[in-house]
Structures are given as C-alpha cells and as structure tokens.
Amino acid sequence: MHWLFLGMAIVLEVIGTSFLKESNGFQNLVPTLVSIAAYVCAFYFLSLAIRSLELGIAYAIWAGVGTALIVLISWLVFNQSLDAAAVVGVGLIIAGVIVINVFSEVKA
C-alpha cells in the first residue's frame, strides 16, 4: 500500500507544480487553488508512504520521479526546450531512482 501512497504523492506533486506555472505567481485564482490543494494532498500521501518506507528512500523516489515527470510535462505541454545536458541530467536522475530501488539494501 505504501507504493500506492508514494505514487499518489508523486502524481499530486506533479499536478501541483504544473498548476503552479499556470498560477502566474499566484495571480490566477483557480490554478493557485488547484496547486495548493494538490501540494497539501501530495504531502499527506507522502506522510502515509513514509510510515512504511524509509524517509530518505521515499523522498529520493518522490523528488526524482516528480522532477523527471515535470521536465517531460514542461517539454510536452509548455513547449519548453531541452538541450543535451538537460536530457542527460534527467537520465541520471532516473538512473539514480533505479539504482536505489534495485541495489539499495535499505528496503521497506
């Protein structure tokens, strides 16, 4: 169940960050409210996930996967460009999450 909670936390954080861009510095009310609500819910689900998962591992996965997804959304939805360094950097983040999950002895 902790993986489901972590997944929900990641999805909600990505939603919150996407709407944060649309809030225009908290100038647009609806995107601002969606962003705040999504972040609150994301932290709630993250708090449920770390009941069973190690904090450092859960946070690394949450931050890493969330960052990779935001880069993808920025490219696809907001038409932001990615150069080779950005692609390599995101690849390293994904590789780090994989290494943690496959090789780390710190498990839930």
C-alpha atoms as a PDB file:
ATOM      1  CA  MET A   1       0.000   0.000   0.000  1.00  0.00           C
ATOM      2  CA  HIS A   2       2.931   2.352   0.697  1.00  0.00           C
ATOM      3  CA  TRP A   3       3.896   2.283  -3.014  1.00  0.00           C
ATOM      4  CA  LEU A   4       0.366   3.372  -3.943  1.00  0.00           C
ATOM      5  CA  PHE A   5       0.609   6.244  -1.461  1.00  0.00           C
ATOM      6  CA  LEU A   6       4.000   7.237  -2.864  1.00  0.00           C
ATOM      7  CA  GLY A   7       2.618   7.095  -6.407  1.00  0.00           C
ATOM      8  CA  MET A   8      -0.297   9.311  -5.413  1.00  0.00           C
ATOM      9  CA  ALA A   9       2.119  11.758  -3.764  1.00  0.00           C
ATOM     10  CA  ILE A  10       4.179  11.934  -6.955  1.00  0.00           C
ATOM     11  CA  VAL A  11       1.168  12.462  -9.222  1.00  0.00           C
ATOM     12  CA  LEU A  12      -0.269  15.154  -6.957  1.00  0.00           C
ATOM     13  CA  GLU A  13       3.077  16.934  -6.687  1.00  0.00           C
ATOM     14  CA  VAL A  14       3.350  16.966 -10.488  1.00  0.00           C
ATOM     15  CA  ILE A  15      -0.192  18.355 -10.758  1.00  0.00           C
ATOM     16  CA  GLY A  16       0.617  20.998  -8.155  1.00  0.00           C
ATOM     17  CA  THR A  17       3.784  22.056  -9.931  1.00  0.00           C
ATOM     18  CA  SER A  18       2.067  22.169 -13.316  1.00  0.00           C
ATOM     19  CA  PHE A  19      -0.666  24.409 -11.951  1.00  0.00           C
ATOM     20  CA  LEU A  20       1.939  26.496 -10.140  1.00  0.00           C
ATOM     21  CA  LYS A  21       3.229  27.505 -13.576  1.00  0.00           C
ATOM     22  CA  GLU A  22      -0.311  28.397 -14.628  1.00  0.00           C
ATOM     23  CA  SER A  23      -0.941  30.403 -11.445  1.00  0.00           C
ATOM     24  CA  ASN A  24       1.386  33.129 -12.760  1.00  0.00           C
ATOM     25  CA  GLY A  25       2.927  33.839  -9.374  1.00  0.00           C
ATOM     26  CA  PHE A  26      -0.382  33.258  -7.550  1.00  0.00           C
ATOM     27  CA  GLN A  27      -2.079  35.902  -9.718  1.00  0.00           C
ATOM     28  CA  ASN A  28      -4.653  33.483 -11.214  1.00  0.00           C
ATOM     29  CA  LEU A  29      -7.030  32.213  -8.531  1.00  0.00           C
ATOM     30  CA  VAL A  30      -8.141  28.806  -9.869  1.00  0.00           C
ATOM     31  CA  PRO A  31      -4.671  27.492 -10.779  1.00  0.00           C
ATOM     32  CA  THR A  32      -3.398  28.808  -7.432  1.00  0.00           C
ATOM     33  CA  LEU A  33      -6.079  26.924  -5.502  1.00  0.00           C
ATOM     34  CA  VAL A  34      -5.518  23.732  -7.514  1.00  0.00           C
ATOM     35  CA  SER A  35      -1.769  23.994  -6.907  1.00  0.00           C
ATOM     36  CA  ILE A  36      -2.140  24.499  -3.158  1.00  0.00           C
ATOM     37  CA  ALA A  37      -4.680  21.678  -2.828  1.00  0.00           C
ATOM     38  CA  ALA A  38      -2.514  19.305  -4.863  1.00  0.00           C
ATOM     39  CA  TYR A  39       0.569  20.083  -2.754  1.00  0.00           C
ATOM     40  CA  VAL A  40      -1.328  19.574   0.514  1.00  0.00           C
ATOM     41  CA  CYS A  41      -2.651  16.233  -0.732  1.00  0.00           C
ATOM     42  CA  ALA A  42       0.795  15.262  -2.050  1.00  0.00           C
ATOM     43  CA  PHE A  43       2.362  15.826   1.358  1.00  0.00           C
ATOM     44  CA  TYR A  44      -0.458  13.905   3.009  1.00  0.00           C
ATOM     45  CA  PHE A  45       0.138  10.870   0.795  1.00  0.00           C
ATOM     46  CA  LEU A  46       3.897  11.199   1.229  1.00  0.00           C
ATOM     47  CA  SER A  47       3.357  11.142   5.000  1.00  0.00           C
ATOM     48  CA  LEU A  48       1.376   7.915   4.620  1.00  0.00           C
ATOM     49  CA  ALA A  49       4.072   6.378   2.434  1.00  0.00           C
ATOM     50  CA  ILE A  50       6.853   7.083   4.933  1.00  0.00           C
ATOM     51  CA  ARG A  51       5.022   5.149   7.616  1.00  0.00           C
ATOM     52  CA  SER A  52       6.408   2.038   5.906  1.00  0.00           C
ATOM     53  CA  LEU A  53       9.158   3.307   3.612  1.00  0.00           C
ATOM     54  CA  GLU A  54      12.472   4.745   4.750  1.00  0.00           C
ATOM     55  CA  LEU A  55      12.228   8.541   4.636  1.00  0.00           C
ATOM     56  CA  GLY A  56      15.355   9.088   2.545  1.00  0.00           C
ATOM     57  CA  ILE A  57      14.432   6.435   0.008  1.00  0.00           C
ATOM     58  CA  ALA A  58      10.818   7.608  -0.295  1.00  0.00           C
ATOM     59  CA  TYR A  59      11.875  11.230  -0.673  1.00  0.00           C
ATOM     60  CA  ALA A  60      14.530  10.390  -3.263  1.00  0.00           C
ATOM     61  CA  ILE A  61      11.976   8.495  -5.342  1.00  0.00           C
ATOM     62  CA  TRP A  62       9.331  11.201  -4.868  1.00  0.00           C
ATOM     63  CA  ALA A  63      11.674  14.001  -5.843  1.00  0.00           C
ATOM     64  CA  GLY A  64      13.415  12.117  -8.652  1.00  0.00           C
ATOM     65  CA  VAL A  65      10.339  10.781 -10.400  1.00  0.00           C
ATOM     66  CA  GLY A  66       8.495  14.059  -9.863  1.00  0.00           C
ATOM     67  CA  THR A  67      11.378  16.026 -11.367  1.00  0.00           C
ATOM     68  CA  ALA A  68      11.583  13.753 -14.400  1.00  0.00           C
ATOM     69  CA  LEU A  69       7.828  13.994 -14.961  1.00  0.00           C
ATOM     70  CA  ILE A  70       7.850  17.794 -14.630  1.00  0.00           C
ATOM     71  CA  VAL A  71      10.633  18.037 -17.199  1.00  0.00           C
ATOM     72  CA  LEU A  72       8.575  15.862 -19.544  1.00  0.00           C
ATOM     73  CA  ILE A  73       5.422  17.938 -18.976  1.00  0.00           C
ATOM     74  CA  SER A  74       7.385  21.172 -19.430  1.00  0.00           C
ATOM     75  CA  TRP A  75       8.569  19.888 -22.783  1.00  0.00           C
ATOM     76  CA  LEU A  76       5.242  18.438 -23.971  1.00  0.00           C
ATOM     77  CA  VAL A  77       2.713  20.887 -22.530  1.00  0.00           C
ATOM     78  CA  PHE A  78       4.590  24.151 -22.054  1.00  0.00           C
ATOM     79  CA  ASN A  79       6.808  23.755 -25.154  1.00  0.00           C
ATOM     80  CA  GLN A  80       9.986  24.326 -23.183  1.00  0.00           C
ATOM     81  CA  SER A  81      13.127  23.199 -24.944  1.00  0.00           C
ATOM     82  CA  LEU A  82      15.527  20.561 -23.670  1.00  0.00           C
ATOM     83  CA  ASP A  83      19.182  20.504 -24.578  1.00  0.00           C
ATOM     84  CA  ALA A  84      21.512  17.511 -24.382  1.00  0.00           C
ATOM     85  CA  ALA A  85      22.656  18.405 -20.863  1.00  0.00           C
ATOM     86  CA  ALA A  86      19.054  18.503 -19.620  1.00  0.00           C
ATOM     87  CA  VAL A  87      18.276  15.120 -21.172  1.00  0.00           C
ATOM     88  CA  VAL A  88      21.436  13.580 -19.693  1.00  0.00           C
ATOM     89  CA  GLY A  89      20.685  15.129 -16.289  1.00  0.00           C
ATOM     90  CA  VAL A  90      17.148  13.749 -16.227  1.00  0.00           C
ATOM     91  CA  GLY A  91      18.508  10.394 -17.345  1.00  0.00           C
ATOM     92  CA  LEU A  92      20.895  10.436 -14.376  1.00  0.00           C
ATOM     93  CA  ILE A  93      18.014  11.236 -12.021  1.00  0.00           C
ATOM     94  CA  ILE A  94      16.049   8.275 -13.395  1.00  0.00           C
ATOM     95  CA  ALA A  95      19.145   6.081 -13.157  1.00  0.00           C
ATOM     96  CA  GLY A  96      19.547   7.129  -9.524  1.00  0.00           C
ATOM     97  CA  VAL A  97      15.987   6.119  -8.690  1.00  0.00           C
ATOM     98  CA  ILE A  98      16.545   2.764 -10.405  1.00  0.00           C
ATOM     99  CA  VAL A  99      19.817   2.177  -8.521  1.00  0.00           C
ATOM    100  CA  ILE A 100      18.106   2.938  -5.210  1.00  0.00           C
ATOM    101  CA  ASN A 101      15.264   0.531  -5.944  1.00  0.00           C
ATOM    102  CA  VAL A 102      17.326  -2.292  -7.402  1.00  0.00           C
ATOM    103  CA  PHE A 103      20.573  -2.219  -5.462  1.00  0.00           C
ATOM    104  CA  SER A 104      19.945  -0.492  -2.139  1.00  0.00           C
ATOM    105  CA  GLU A 105      19.685  -2.753   0.866  1.00  0.00           C
ATOM    106  CA  VAL A 106      17.515  -0.166   2.603  1.00  0.00           C
ATOM    107  CA  LYS A 107      14.050  -1.582   1.936  1.00  0.00           C
ATOM    108  CA  ALA A 108      10.591  -1.018   3.286  1.00  0.00           C
END
